[in-house]
C-alpha atoms as a PDB file:
ATOM      1  CA  UNK A   1       7.894   3.389  39.415  1.00  0.00           C
ATOM      2  CA  UNK A   2       6.929   2.924  35.435  1.00  0.00           C
ATOM      3  CA  UNK A   3       2.957   3.027  35.984  1.00  0.00           C
ATOM      4  CA  UNK A   4       1.436   6.119  33.828  1.00  0.00           C
ATOM      5  CA  UNK A   5      -0.762   7.885  36.703  1.00  0.00           C
ATOM      6  CA  UNK A   6      -3.209   8.408  34.131  1.00  0.00           C
ATOM      7  CA  UNK A   7      -4.428   4.497  32.984  1.00  0.00           C
ATOM      8  CA  UNK A   8      -7.739   3.727  34.088  1.00  0.00           C
ATOM      9  CA  UNK A   9      -9.857   0.859  33.768  1.00  0.00           C
ATOM     10  CA  UNK A  10     -12.390   2.463  31.957  1.00  0.00           C
ATOM     11  CA  UNK A  11     -15.298   0.079  29.510  1.00  0.00           C
ATOM     12  CA  UNK A  12     -17.527   1.313  26.664  1.00  0.00           C
ATOM     13  CA  UNK A  13     -20.518  -0.490  24.742  1.00  0.00           C
ATOM     14  CA  UNK A  14     -19.441   0.384  21.007  1.00  0.00           C
ATOM     15  CA  UNK A  15     -22.269  -0.526  20.224  1.00  0.00           C
ATOM     16  CA  UNK A  16     -24.595   2.262  21.469  1.00  0.00           C
ATOM     17  CA  UNK A  17     -24.954   5.973  20.289  1.00  0.00           C
ATOM     18  CA  UNK A  18     -22.511   8.689  20.970  1.00  0.00           C
ATOM     19  CA  UNK A  19     -23.874  10.521  24.367  1.00  0.00           C
ATOM     20  CA  UNK A  20     -23.548  14.493  22.230  1.00  0.00           C
ATOM     21  CA  UNK A  21     -22.342  16.762  25.013  1.00  0.00           C
ATOM     22  CA  UNK A  22     -24.570  19.260  26.914  1.00  0.00           C
ATOM     23  CA  UNK A  23     -23.760  22.599  25.510  1.00  0.00           C
ATOM     24  CA  UNK A  24     -22.554  24.798  27.952  1.00  0.00           C
ATOM     25  CA  UNK A  25     -25.543  27.908  29.534  1.00  0.00           C
ATOM     26  CA  UNK A  26     -23.854  30.550  27.498  1.00  0.00           C
ATOM     27  CA  UNK A  27     -23.165  28.927  24.604  1.00  0.00           C
ATOM     28  CA  UNK A  28     -23.621  30.992  20.580  1.00  0.00           C
ATOM     29  CA  UNK A  29     -23.082  28.573  17.769  1.00  0.00           C
ATOM     30  CA  UNK A  30     -20.659  29.254  16.110  1.00  0.00           C
ATOM     31  CA  UNK A  31     -21.926  31.181  13.185  1.00  0.00           C
ATOM     32  CA  UNK A  32     -18.922  30.827  10.423  1.00  0.00           C
ATOM     33  CA  UNK A  33     -17.504  35.005  11.138  1.00  0.00           C
ATOM     34  CA  UNK A  34     -14.115  34.982  11.212  1.00  0.00           C
ATOM     35  CA  UNK A  35     -12.515  35.696  13.224  1.00  0.00           C
ATOM     36  CA  UNK A  36     -15.256  35.237  15.703  1.00  0.00           C
ATOM     37  CA  UNK A  37     -17.926  38.049  16.967  1.00  0.00           C
ATOM     38  CA  UNK A  38     -17.898  38.545  21.133  1.00  0.00           C
ATOM     39  CA  UNK A  39     -16.844  35.197  23.729  1.00  0.00           C
ATOM     40  CA  UNK A  40     -16.440  31.925  22.161  1.00  0.00           C
ATOM     41  CA  UNK A  41     -17.276  28.654  23.934  1.00  0.00           C
ATOM     42  CA  UNK A  42     -14.925  26.187  23.490  1.00  0.00           C
ATOM     43  CA  UNK A  43     -15.675  22.569  24.693  1.00  0.00           C
ATOM     44  CA  UNK A  44     -15.926  18.576  23.606  1.00  0.00           C
ATOM     45  CA  UNK A  45     -17.872  17.879  20.577  1.00  0.00           C
ATOM     46  CA  UNK A  46     -19.131  14.846  19.388  1.00  0.00           C
ATOM     47  CA  UNK A  47     -16.081  13.632  16.486  1.00  0.00           C
ATOM     48  CA  UNK A  48     -17.998  13.185  13.303  1.00  0.00           C
ATOM     49  CA  UNK A  49     -19.628   9.909  12.059  1.00  0.00           C
ATOM     50  CA  UNK A  50     -16.799   9.461  10.234  1.00  0.00           C
ATOM     51  CA  UNK A  51     -14.466   9.563  12.268  1.00  0.00           C
ATOM     52  CA  UNK A  52     -11.108  12.198  13.087  1.00  0.00           C
ATOM     53  CA  UNK A  53      -7.993  10.923  11.951  1.00  0.00           C
ATOM     54  CA  UNK A  54      -4.861  12.419  13.676  1.00  0.00           C
ATOM     55  CA  UNK A  55      -1.575  11.353  13.263  1.00  0.00           C
ATOM     56  CA  UNK A  56       0.768  12.086  16.567  1.00  0.00           C
ATOM     57  CA  UNK A  57       4.183  12.675  16.595  1.00  0.00           C
ATOM     58  CA  UNK A  58       6.401  12.438  19.942  1.00  0.00           C
ATOM     59  CA  UNK A  59      10.270  12.564  20.336  1.00  0.00           C
ATOM     60  CA  UNK A  60      12.206  12.557  23.711  1.00  0.00           C
ATOM     61  CA  UNK A  61      16.566  11.793  24.719  1.00  0.00           C
ATOM     62  CA  UNK A  62      17.600  12.133  27.997  1.00  0.00           C
ATOM     63  CA  UNK A  63      19.780  10.386  30.515  1.00  0.00           C
ATOM     64  CA  UNK A  64      19.056   9.111  33.533  1.00  0.00           C
ATOM     65  CA  UNK A  65      21.177   8.361  37.203  1.00  0.00           C
ATOM     66  CA  UNK A  66      21.062   5.902  40.307  1.00  0.00           C
ATOM     67  CA  UNK A  67      23.933   5.928  42.672  1.00  0.00           C
ATOM     68  CA  UNK A  68      23.991   4.111  45.273  1.00  0.00           C
ATOM     69  CA  UNK A  69      25.382   4.643  48.481  1.00  0.00           C
ATOM     70  CA  UNK A  70      28.118   2.224  50.230  1.00  0.00           C
ATOM     71  CA  UNK A  71      28.883   1.398  46.112  1.00  0.00           C
ATOM     72  CA  UNK A  72      32.364   0.046  45.500  1.00  0.00           C
ATOM     73  CA  UNK A  73      32.111   1.231  41.248  1.00  0.00           C
ATOM     74  CA  UNK A  74      33.211   4.534  40.551  1.00  0.00           C
ATOM     75  CA  UNK A  75      30.433   7.004  39.146  1.00  0.00           C
ATOM     76  CA  UNK A  76      26.842   5.967  38.666  1.00  0.00           C
ATOM     77  CA  UNK A  77      25.087   3.796  37.007  1.00  0.00           C
ATOM     78  CA  UNK A  78      23.921   6.166  33.365  1.00  0.00           C
ATOM     79  CA  UNK A  79      20.905   5.027  31.396  1.00  0.00           C
ATOM     80  CA  UNK A  80      21.218   7.767  27.481  1.00  0.00           C
ATOM     81  CA  UNK A  81      17.471   6.715  26.477  1.00  0.00           C
ATOM     82  CA  UNK A  82      16.216   8.082  22.260  1.00  0.00           C
ATOM     83  CA  UNK A  83      12.700   6.980  21.612  1.00  0.00           C
ATOM     84  CA  UNK A  84      11.268   8.656  18.140  1.00  0.00           C
ATOM     85  CA  UNK A  85       7.165   7.380  17.893  1.00  0.00           C
ATOM     86  CA  UNK A  86       4.394   7.703  15.286  1.00  0.00           C
ATOM     87  CA  UNK A  87       1.319   7.344  15.212  1.00  0.00           C
ATOM     88  CA  UNK A  88      -1.747   7.088  13.265  1.00  0.00           C
ATOM     89  CA  UNK A  89      -5.661   6.925  14.294  1.00  0.00           C
ATOM     90  CA  UNK A  90      -8.659   7.416  13.435  1.00  0.00           C
ATOM     91  CA  UNK A  91     -10.502   9.331  16.709  1.00  0.00           C
ATOM     92  CA  UNK A  92     -14.600   7.645  16.795  1.00  0.00           C
ATOM     93  CA  UNK A  93     -17.198   8.770  18.968  1.00  0.00           C
ATOM     94  CA  UNK A  94     -18.556   6.200  21.259  1.00  0.00           C
ATOM     95  CA  UNK A  95     -21.481   6.735  23.747  1.00  0.00           C
ATOM     96  CA  UNK A  96     -19.136   6.897  27.702  1.00  0.00           C
ATOM     97  CA  UNK A  97     -19.203   5.829  30.527  1.00  0.00           C
ATOM     98  CA  UNK A  98     -19.762   8.547  32.308  1.00  0.00           C
ATOM     99  CA  UNK A  99     -22.816  11.161  31.502  1.00  0.00           C
ATOM    100  CA  UNK A 100     -20.633  14.016  32.566  1.00  0.00           C
ATOM    101  CA  UNK A 101     -17.148  13.033  30.499  1.00  0.00           C
ATOM    102  CA  UNK A 102     -16.738  12.191  26.411  1.00  0.00           C
ATOM    103  CA  UNK A 103     -15.436   8.800  25.035  1.00  0.00           C
ATOM    104  CA  UNK A 104     -13.927   7.459  21.492  1.00  0.00           C
ATOM    105  CA  UNK A 105     -12.720   4.183  20.600  1.00  0.00           C
ATOM    106  CA  UNK A 106      -9.108   4.787  18.480  1.00  0.00           C
ATOM    107  CA  UNK A 107      -8.839   2.970  15.720  1.00  0.00           C
ATOM    108  CA  UNK A 108      -5.190   1.887  14.243  1.00  0.00           C
ATOM    109  CA  UNK A 109      -4.397   3.261  10.385  1.00  0.00           C
ATOM    110  CA  UNK A 110      -0.316   2.934  11.171  1.00  0.00           C
ATOM    111  CA  UNK A 111       2.874   3.070  13.768  1.00  0.00           C
ATOM    112  CA  UNK A 112       6.187   2.936  14.197  1.00  0.00           C
ATOM    113  CA  UNK A 113       8.578   3.168  16.888  1.00  0.00           C
ATOM    114  CA  UNK A 114      12.857   3.594  16.912  1.00  0.00           C
ATOM    115  CA  UNK A 115      13.924   3.465  20.362  1.00  0.00           C
ATOM    116  CA  UNK A 116      17.932   3.214  21.343  1.00  0.00           C
ATOM    117  CA  UNK A 117      19.267   3.015  25.405  1.00  0.00           C
ATOM    118  CA  UNK A 118      22.981   2.907  25.647  1.00  0.00           C
ATOM    119  CA  UNK A 119      23.423   0.473  27.770  1.00  0.00           C
ATOM    120  CA  UNK A 120      23.307  -1.698  25.389  1.00  0.00           C
ATOM    121  CA  UNK A 121      22.508   0.647  21.991  1.00  0.00           C
ATOM    122  CA  UNK A 122      21.221  -1.518  19.529  1.00  0.00           C
ATOM    123  CA  UNK A 123      18.459   0.200  17.661  1.00  0.00           C
ATOM    124  CA  UNK A 124      14.704  -1.763  18.159  1.00  0.00           C
ATOM    125  CA  UNK A 125      12.359  -0.460  15.260  1.00  0.00           C
ATOM    126  CA  UNK A 126       9.141  -0.899  14.784  1.00  0.00           C
ATOM    127  CA  UNK A 127       6.807  -0.633  11.541  1.00  0.00           C
ATOM    128  CA  UNK A 128       2.525  -1.358  11.326  1.00  0.00           C
ATOM    129  CA  UNK A 129       0.889  -0.001   8.771  1.00  0.00           C
ATOM    130  CA  UNK A 130       0.436  -0.970   4.475  1.00  0.00           C
ATOM    131  CA  UNK A 131      -1.403  -4.562   5.788  1.00  0.00           C
ATOM    132  CA  UNK A 132       2.227  -5.052   7.373  1.00  0.00           C
ATOM    133  CA  UNK A 133       4.272  -5.696  10.552  1.00  0.00           C
ATOM    134  CA  UNK A 134       7.950  -5.217  10.631  1.00  0.00           C
ATOM    135  CA  UNK A 135       9.982  -5.729  14.727  1.00  0.00           C
ATOM    136  CA  UNK A 136      14.220  -5.481  13.914  1.00  0.00           C
ATOM    137  CA  UNK A 137      17.494  -5.095  15.903  1.00  0.00           C
ATOM    138  CA  UNK A 138      19.820  -3.026  14.164  1.00  0.00           C
ATOM    139  CA  UNK A 139      19.997  -4.007  11.075  1.00  0.00           C
ATOM    140  CA  UNK A 140      18.472  -7.193  12.119  1.00  0.00           C
ATOM    141  CA  UNK A 141      15.320  -8.344  10.480  1.00  0.00           C
ATOM    142  CA  UNK A 142      13.172 -10.265  13.798  1.00  0.00           C
ATOM    143  CA  UNK A 143      10.111 -10.262  12.744  1.00  0.00           C
ATOM    144  CA  UNK A 144       8.251  -9.498   9.164  1.00  0.00           C
ATOM    145  CA  UNK A 145       4.457 -10.281   8.394  1.00  0.00           C
ATOM    146  CA  UNK A 146       2.176  -9.329   6.089  1.00  0.00           C
ATOM    147  CA  UNK A 147      -1.711  -9.558   6.166  1.00  0.00           C
ATOM    148  CA  UNK A 148      -3.442 -12.377   7.584  1.00  0.00           C
ATOM    149  CA  UNK A 149       0.459 -14.241   8.273  1.00  0.00           C
ATOM    150  CA  UNK A 150       0.740 -15.216  11.401  1.00  0.00           C
ATOM    151  CA  UNK A 151       3.103 -15.316  14.297  1.00  0.00           C
ATOM    152  CA  UNK A 152       1.589 -16.609  16.904  1.00  0.00           C
ATOM    153  CA  UNK A 153      -2.318 -15.419  17.160  1.00  0.00           C
ATOM    154  CA  UNK A 154      -1.002 -12.377  15.886  1.00  0.00           C
ATOM    155  CA  UNK A 155      -1.109 -10.982  11.996  1.00  0.00           C
ATOM    156  CA  UNK A 156      -1.338  -7.808  10.543  1.00  0.00           C
ATOM    157  CA  UNK A 157      -5.770  -7.570  10.053  1.00  0.00           C
ATOM    158  CA  UNK A 158      -5.189  -8.196  13.914  1.00  0.00           C
ATOM    159  CA  UNK A 159      -3.979  -4.762  14.604  1.00  0.00           C
ATOM    160  CA  UNK A 160      -4.634  -2.599  11.300  1.00  0.00           C
ATOM    161  CA  UNK A 161      -8.037  -0.712  11.223  1.00  0.00           C
ATOM    162  CA  UNK A 162      -9.046  -2.759  14.489  1.00  0.00           C
ATOM    163  CA  UNK A 163      -9.416  -0.185  17.626  1.00  0.00           C
ATOM    164  CA  UNK A 164      -6.430  -0.313  19.589  1.00  0.00           C
ATOM    165  CA  UNK A 165      -7.768   2.204  22.541  1.00  0.00           C
ATOM    166  CA  UNK A 166     -10.672   4.353  23.848  1.00  0.00           C
ATOM    167  CA  UNK A 167     -10.110   7.619  25.139  1.00  0.00           C
ATOM    168  CA  UNK A 168     -12.553   9.196  28.621  1.00  0.00           C
ATOM    169  CA  UNK A 169     -11.922  12.577  29.089  1.00  0.00           C
ATOM    170  CA  UNK A 170     -14.062  14.847  30.993  1.00  0.00           C
ATOM    171  CA  UNK A 171     -16.356  18.138  29.856  1.00  0.00           C
ATOM    172  CA  UNK A 172     -13.276  20.004  29.840  1.00  0.00           C
ATOM    173  CA  UNK A 173     -11.044  17.828  27.867  1.00  0.00           C
ATOM    174  CA  UNK A 174      -8.718  16.355  29.951  1.00  0.00           C
ATOM    175  CA  UNK A 175      -8.279  13.284  29.979  1.00  0.00           C
ATOM    176  CA  UNK A 176      -9.987  10.728  32.650  1.00  0.00           C
ATOM    177  CA  UNK A 177      -8.527   6.985  31.377  1.00  0.00           C
ATOM    178  CA  UNK A 178      -6.700   5.820  27.625  1.00  0.00           C
ATOM    179  CA  UNK A 179      -7.311   2.188  27.859  1.00  0.00           C
ATOM    180  CA  UNK A 180      -6.132  -0.440  25.508  1.00  0.00           C
ATOM    181  CA  UNK A 181      -8.468  -2.264  23.870  1.00  0.00           C
ATOM    182  CA  UNK A 182      -8.101  -5.697  20.688  1.00  0.00           C
ATOM    183  CA  UNK A 183      -7.097  -9.305  21.247  1.00  0.00           C
ATOM    184  CA  UNK A 184      -4.256 -10.026  24.301  1.00  0.00           C
ATOM    185  CA  UNK A 185      -1.379 -10.970  22.027  1.00  0.00           C
ATOM    186  CA  UNK A 186      -2.184  -7.052  20.137  1.00  0.00           C
ATOM    187  CA  UNK A 187      -2.673  -5.228  23.529  1.00  0.00           C
ATOM    188  CA  UNK A 188       0.915  -7.122  24.888  1.00  0.00           C
ATOM    189  CA  UNK A 189       2.321  -5.750  22.015  1.00  0.00           C
ATOM    190  CA  UNK A 190       0.793  -2.453  22.439  1.00  0.00           C
ATOM    191  CA  UNK A 191       1.224  -1.983  25.937  1.00  0.00           C
ATOM    192  CA  UNK A 192       5.096  -2.060  25.471  1.00  0.00           C
ATOM    193  CA  UNK A 193       5.119   0.812  23.432  1.00  0.00           C
ATOM    194  CA  UNK A 194       4.392   4.929  25.296  1.00  0.00           C
ATOM    195  CA  UNK A 195       0.722   4.909  23.588  1.00  0.00           C
ATOM    196  CA  UNK A 196      -1.232   6.002  26.366  1.00  0.00           C
ATOM    197  CA  UNK A 197       1.404   8.369  27.987  1.00  0.00           C
ATOM    198  CA  UNK A 198       0.906  10.560  23.828  1.00  0.00           C
ATOM    199  CA  UNK A 199      -2.091  10.068  24.133  1.00  0.00           C
ATOM    200  CA  UNK A 200      -3.918  11.754  27.061  1.00  0.00           C
ATOM    201  CA  UNK A 201      -0.405  14.392  26.689  1.00  0.00           C
ATOM    202  CA  UNK A 202      -1.588  15.525  23.586  1.00  0.00           C
ATOM    203  CA  UNK A 203      -5.664  16.327  24.624  1.00  0.00           C
ATOM    204  CA  UNK A 204      -5.274  20.349  25.421  1.00  0.00           C
ATOM    205  CA  UNK A 205      -7.294  21.047  28.157  1.00  0.00           C
ATOM    206  CA  UNK A 206     -10.604  23.431  27.181  1.00  0.00           C
ATOM    207  CA  UNK A 207     -11.586  26.974  29.223  1.00  0.00           C
ATOM    208  CA  UNK A 208     -14.682  26.969  31.921  1.00  0.00           C
ATOM    209  CA  UNK A 209     -16.430  29.503  30.203  1.00  0.00           C
ATOM    210  CA  UNK A 210     -16.764  31.330  27.693  1.00  0.00           C
ATOM    211  CA  UNK A 211     -13.881  33.609  26.751  1.00  0.00           C
ATOM    212  CA  UNK A 212     -11.886  36.452  24.921  1.00  0.00           C
ATOM    213  CA  UNK A 213      -8.639  36.632  24.041  1.00  0.00           C
ATOM    214  CA  UNK A 214      -6.320  37.445  25.995  1.00  0.00           C
ATOM    215  CA  UNK A 215      -8.378  34.591  28.556  1.00  0.00           C
ATOM    216  CA  UNK A 216      -6.101  32.631  31.165  1.00  0.00           C
ATOM    217  CA  UNK A 217      -6.717  28.660  32.336  1.00  0.00           C
ATOM    218  CA  UNK A 218      -4.786  25.752  33.653  1.00  0.00           C
ATOM    219  CA  UNK A 219      -4.575  21.926  32.692  1.00  0.00           C
ATOM    220  CA  UNK A 220      -2.431  19.577  34.056  1.00  0.00           C
ATOM    221  CA  UNK A 221      -0.883  16.706  32.677  1.00  0.00           C
ATOM    222  CA  UNK A 222       2.489  14.165  32.868  1.00  0.00           C
ATOM    223  CA  UNK A 223       5.223  14.155  30.895  1.00  0.00           C
ATOM    224  CA  UNK A 224       5.780  11.370  28.469  1.00  0.00           C
ATOM    225  CA  UNK A 225       8.800   9.862  28.981  1.00  0.00           C
ATOM    226  CA  UNK A 226      10.420   8.378  31.809  1.00  0.00           C
ATOM    227  CA  UNK A 227       9.906  11.161  34.527  1.00  0.00           C
ATOM    228  CA  UNK A 228       6.402  11.438  33.224  1.00  0.00           C
ATOM    229  CA  UNK A 229       5.853   8.006  34.715  1.00  0.00           C
ATOM    230  CA  UNK A 230       6.946   8.617  38.231  1.00  0.00           C
ATOM    231  CA  UNK A 231       4.155  10.595  38.483  1.00  0.00           C
ATOM    232  CA  UNK A 232       5.671  14.171  38.298  1.00  0.00           C
ATOM    233  CA  UNK A 233       2.531  15.990  37.350  1.00  0.00           C
ATOM    234  CA  UNK A 234       3.276  19.634  34.870  1.00  0.00           C
ATOM    235  CA  UNK A 235       0.657  22.228  36.051  1.00  0.00           C
ATOM    236  CA  UNK A 236       0.584  23.563  31.879  1.00  0.00           C
ATOM    237  CA  UNK A 237      -1.236  27.635  31.489  1.00  0.00           C
ATOM    238  CA  UNK A 238      -3.832  27.708  28.413  1.00  0.00           C
ATOM    239  CA  UNK A 239      -3.988  30.764  26.425  1.00  0.00           C
ATOM    240  CA  UNK A 240      -6.052  32.348  24.249  1.00  0.00           C
ATOM    241  CA  UNK A 241      -3.925  33.644  21.671  1.00  0.00           C
ATOM    242  CA  UNK A 242      -6.034  34.867  19.061  1.00  0.00           C
ATOM    243  CA  UNK A 243      -7.852  33.566  15.779  1.00  0.00           C
ATOM    244  CA  UNK A 244      -5.881  32.046  12.220  1.00  0.00           C
ATOM    245  CA  UNK A 245      -6.555  29.702   9.435  1.00  0.00           C
ATOM    246  CA  UNK A 246      -5.132  26.518   9.415  1.00  0.00           C
ATOM    247  CA  UNK A 247      -5.610  24.717   6.389  1.00  0.00           C
ATOM    248  CA  UNK A 248      -8.503  26.511   5.494  1.00  0.00           C
ATOM    249  CA  UNK A 249     -10.437  25.347   9.135  1.00  0.00           C
ATOM    250  CA  UNK A 250     -10.631  29.016  11.211  1.00  0.00           C
ATOM    251  CA  UNK A 251      -9.105  27.906  14.886  1.00  0.00           C
ATOM    252  CA  UNK A 252      -8.477  29.654  17.681  1.00  0.00           C
ATOM    253  CA  UNK A 253      -5.325  29.757  18.257  1.00  0.00           C
ATOM    254  CA  UNK A 254      -4.431  28.584  22.289  1.00  0.00           C
ATOM    255  CA  UNK A 255      -0.675  29.311  23.928  1.00  0.00           C
ATOM    256  CA  UNK A 256       0.731  26.712  26.010  1.00  0.00           C
ATOM    257  CA  UNK A 257       3.119  27.081  28.350  1.00  0.00           C
ATOM    258  CA  UNK A 258       4.548  25.843  32.434  1.00  0.00           C
ATOM    259  CA  UNK A 259       7.865  26.313  34.027  1.00  0.00           C
ATOM    260  CA  UNK A 260       8.403  24.604  37.536  1.00  0.00           C
ATOM    261  CA  UNK A 261      11.560  24.734  39.742  1.00  0.00           C
ATOM    262  CA  UNK A 262      10.363  23.340  43.063  1.00  0.00           C
ATOM    263  CA  UNK A 263      12.533  21.680  45.670  1.00  0.00           C
ATOM    264  CA  UNK A 264       9.865  18.413  47.684  1.00  0.00           C
ATOM    265  CA  UNK A 265       7.580  18.722  44.870  1.00  0.00           C
ATOM    266  CA  UNK A 266       5.382  15.617  45.528  1.00  0.00           C
ATOM    267  CA  UNK A 267       5.203  12.929  43.364  1.00  0.00           C
ATOM    268  CA  UNK A 268       1.854  11.604  42.603  1.00  0.00           C
ATOM    269  CA  UNK A 269       2.924   8.077  43.562  1.00  0.00           C
ATOM    270  CA  UNK A 270       3.568   9.366  47.031  1.00  0.00           C
ATOM    271  CA  UNK A 271       7.056   9.989  47.159  1.00  0.00           C
ATOM    272  CA  UNK A 272       9.476  13.608  47.480  1.00  0.00           C
ATOM    273  CA  UNK A 273      11.351  15.372  44.433  1.00  0.00           C
ATOM    274  CA  UNK A 274      14.143  16.670  46.091  1.00  0.00           C
ATOM    275  CA  UNK A 275      14.422  18.663  43.175  1.00  0.00           C
ATOM    276  CA  UNK A 276      12.181  18.937  40.214  1.00  0.00           C
ATOM    277  CA  UNK A 277      12.509  21.806  37.184  1.00  0.00           C
ATOM    278  CA  UNK A 278      10.126  21.259  34.349  1.00  0.00           C
ATOM    279  CA  UNK A 279      10.189  24.476  30.975  1.00  0.00           C
ATOM    280  CA  UNK A 280       7.113  23.071  28.773  1.00  0.00           C
ATOM    281  CA  UNK A 281       6.547  26.078  25.757  1.00  0.00           C
ATOM    282  CA  UNK A 282       3.824  25.111  22.991  1.00  0.00           C
ATOM    283  CA  UNK A 283       1.024  26.171  20.515  1.00  0.00           C
ATOM    284  CA  UNK A 284      -2.224  24.691  19.699  1.00  0.00           C
ATOM    285  CA  UNK A 285      -4.607  25.942  17.504  1.00  0.00           C
ATOM    286  CA  UNK A 286      -8.252  24.543  17.748  1.00  0.00           C
ATOM    287  CA  UNK A 287     -11.796  24.063  15.314  1.00  0.00           C
ATOM    288  CA  UNK A 288     -13.753  26.930  16.318  1.00  0.00           C
ATOM    289  CA  UNK A 289     -16.589  24.457  14.906  1.00  0.00           C
ATOM    290  CA  UNK A 290     -16.251  21.552  16.404  1.00  0.00           C
ATOM    291  CA  UNK A 291     -13.933  22.899  18.884  1.00  0.00           C
ATOM    292  CA  UNK A 292     -11.572  19.331  18.179  1.00  0.00           C
ATOM    293  CA  UNK A 293      -7.769  19.732  17.803  1.00  0.00           C
ATOM    294  CA  UNK A 294      -6.100  20.929  14.295  1.00  0.00           C
ATOM    295  CA  UNK A 295      -3.468  20.699  15.246  1.00  0.00           C
ATOM    296  CA  UNK A 296      -0.584  21.247  17.589  1.00  0.00           C
ATOM    297  CA  UNK A 297       3.250  21.810  18.348  1.00  0.00           C
ATOM    298  CA  UNK A 298       4.889  20.972  22.401  1.00  0.00           C
ATOM    299  CA  UNK A 299       8.564  21.085  23.552  1.00  0.00           C
ATOM    300  CA  UNK A 300       9.472  20.429  27.317  1.00  0.00           C
ATOM    301  CA  UNK A 301      12.725  19.265  28.955  1.00  0.00           C
ATOM    302  CA  UNK A 302      12.252  18.867  32.499  1.00  0.00           C
ATOM    303  CA  UNK A 303      14.758  17.264  35.546  1.00  0.00           C
ATOM    304  CA  UNK A 304      14.457  15.864  38.643  1.00  0.00           C
ATOM    305  CA  UNK A 305      16.625  14.466  41.402  1.00  0.00           C
ATOM    306  CA  UNK A 306      14.948  12.312  45.205  1.00  0.00           C
ATOM    307  CA  UNK A 307      15.959   9.356  46.559  1.00  0.00           C
ATOM    308  CA  UNK A 308      15.005   6.016  47.499  1.00  0.00           C
ATOM    309  CA  UNK A 309      15.612   2.128  48.205  1.00  0.00           C
ATOM    310  CA  UNK A 310      16.203  -0.049  46.187  1.00  0.00           C
ATOM    311  CA  UNK A 311      16.154  -3.671  48.386  1.00  0.00           C
ATOM    312  CA  UNK A 312      18.027  -2.575  51.447  1.00  0.00           C
ATOM    313  CA  UNK A 313      20.068   0.291  49.897  1.00  0.00           C
ATOM    314  CA  UNK A 314      19.743   3.798  50.095  1.00  0.00           C
ATOM    315  CA  UNK A 315      20.505   4.952  45.939  1.00  0.00           C
ATOM    316  CA  UNK A 316      19.971   9.042  44.648  1.00  0.00           C
ATOM    317  CA  UNK A 317      18.690   9.530  41.695  1.00  0.00           C
ATOM    318  CA  UNK A 318      18.450  12.422  38.048  1.00  0.00           C
ATOM    319  CA  UNK A 319      17.405  12.151  35.125  1.00  0.00           C
ATOM    320  CA  UNK A 320      16.524  14.944  32.739  1.00  0.00           C
ATOM    321  CA  UNK A 321      14.850  14.571  29.175  1.00  0.00           C
ATOM    322  CA  UNK A 322      13.813  17.298  26.661  1.00  0.00           C
ATOM    323  CA  UNK A 323      11.125  16.310  24.200  1.00  0.00           C
ATOM    324  CA  UNK A 324       8.983  17.248  20.980  1.00  0.00           C
ATOM    325  CA  UNK A 325       5.592  16.254  20.070  1.00  0.00           C
ATOM    326  CA  UNK A 326       3.242  17.334  17.437  1.00  0.00           C
ATOM    327  CA  UNK A 327      -0.568  16.270  16.681  1.00  0.00           C
ATOM    328  CA  UNK A 328      -2.135  16.708  13.582  1.00  0.00           C
ATOM    329  CA  UNK A 329      -5.554  16.305  11.077  1.00  0.00           C
ATOM    330  CA  UNK A 330      -4.482  14.105   8.077  1.00  0.00           C
ATOM    331  CA  UNK A 331      -6.600  14.254   4.756  1.00  0.00           C
ATOM    332  CA  UNK A 332      -8.429  10.004   4.813  1.00  0.00           C
ATOM    333  CA  UNK A 333      -7.447  10.253   1.546  1.00  0.00           C
ATOM    334  CA  UNK A 334      -3.995  11.195   0.631  1.00  0.00           C
ATOM    335  CA  UNK A 335      -2.728   8.406   3.234  1.00  0.00           C
ATOM    336  CA  UNK A 336      -2.218   5.283   1.659  1.00  0.00           C
ATOM    337  CA  UNK A 337       1.266   3.888   1.390  1.00  0.00           C
ATOM    338  CA  UNK A 338       2.154   7.640   2.380  1.00  0.00           C
ATOM    339  CA  UNK A 339       5.663   7.813   4.063  1.00  0.00           C
ATOM    340  CA  UNK A 340       6.220   8.010   7.365  1.00  0.00           C
ATOM    341  CA  UNK A 341       6.047  11.445   8.731  1.00  0.00           C
ATOM    342  CA  UNK A 342      10.427  12.167   8.450  1.00  0.00           C
ATOM    343  CA  UNK A 343       9.970  11.377   5.411  1.00  0.00           C
ATOM    344  CA  UNK A 344      11.032   8.045   5.733  1.00  0.00           C
ATOM    345  CA  UNK A 345       9.849   5.503   3.129  1.00  0.00           C
ATOM    346  CA  UNK A 346       7.211   3.063   5.363  1.00  0.00           C
ATOM    347  CA  UNK A 347       9.281  -0.834   5.203  1.00  0.00           C
ATOM    348  CA  UNK A 348      12.415   0.408   3.325  1.00  0.00           C
ATOM    349  CA  UNK A 349      15.178  -2.225   2.867  1.00  0.00           C
ATOM    350  CA  UNK A 350      17.361  -3.309   4.976  1.00  0.00           C
ATOM    351  CA  UNK A 351      19.862  -6.186   5.992  1.00  0.00           C
ATOM    352  CA  UNK A 352      18.321  -9.068   6.633  1.00  0.00           C
ATOM    353  CA  UNK A 353      20.235 -11.734   8.256  1.00  0.00           C
ATOM    354  CA  UNK A 354      18.260 -15.539   9.583  1.00  0.00           C
ATOM    355  CA  UNK A 355      17.096 -16.737  12.405  1.00  0.00           C
ATOM    356  CA  UNK A 356      18.219 -20.091  11.934  1.00  0.00           C
END
């Protein structure tokens, strides 16, 4: 039930030169005029040789309920969840295993996760940045490693500034796979985080051919929260609403919208949701010269109800989550020792209690 529908095992040789996507037959090179003259073509472009540095932020919170038939307890079992996630990474082009796809190696610059699940309710934290790894439960520090200091076979330097994922998209920017990479201990750590879901979620679909303001197209994505992991796909309408400058970069502004209220909606995992409701809104700014995402913001609310069997006992499930996500390019020259995206100082002092 917790598998990611987009997780496809893909391999890629980082030592081979990156394949540049073929341009659309109607494509015209962006001539630098702003706003552009005539229709534009947006196609995945090979990132610059030095890579593109991104900051991804994601938050969701909500509740899931399980009501077992013939249960002797009063009311359903409930689980309340809150997750805050930040991922700073360098995206570098590599050779694709498929000539019709575009591949990128993602290199870890910084990572932060704060999560709370009630019951039991204690906040779990993880920080990886600035040559350091720290984990904590509430105010208790569990692990605090620096430099080459090991914890088993895991050290900060075996994770930071190392490739941690391979992203493969099709010719329209739709994710075909996000595969975790690295040494086994690093992959075990990263597999416990919503990395694949979050990266796939913020990939913007691109149109099939030349488009002008007002044109629409669609792309399917999976929510990066527990509802998405149940196989609930969302068809998102993309609309080119105009052109704007973002940090001095000429961009196409694309609105992202979805609204679904369906009964007996199919899951990607073969069962049926009795009810599925999703509402999503946001915007993406796509650089005209490279078709890279310059900035993206999304908000969503989703709810599902369905019936499953746990062991031999039929049970009804309900869940409702709301979330926010953003993606923005970073200036590599300003990231050293910078605070987290919410302004919190990295590795702020916390109460330290011995584990002995």
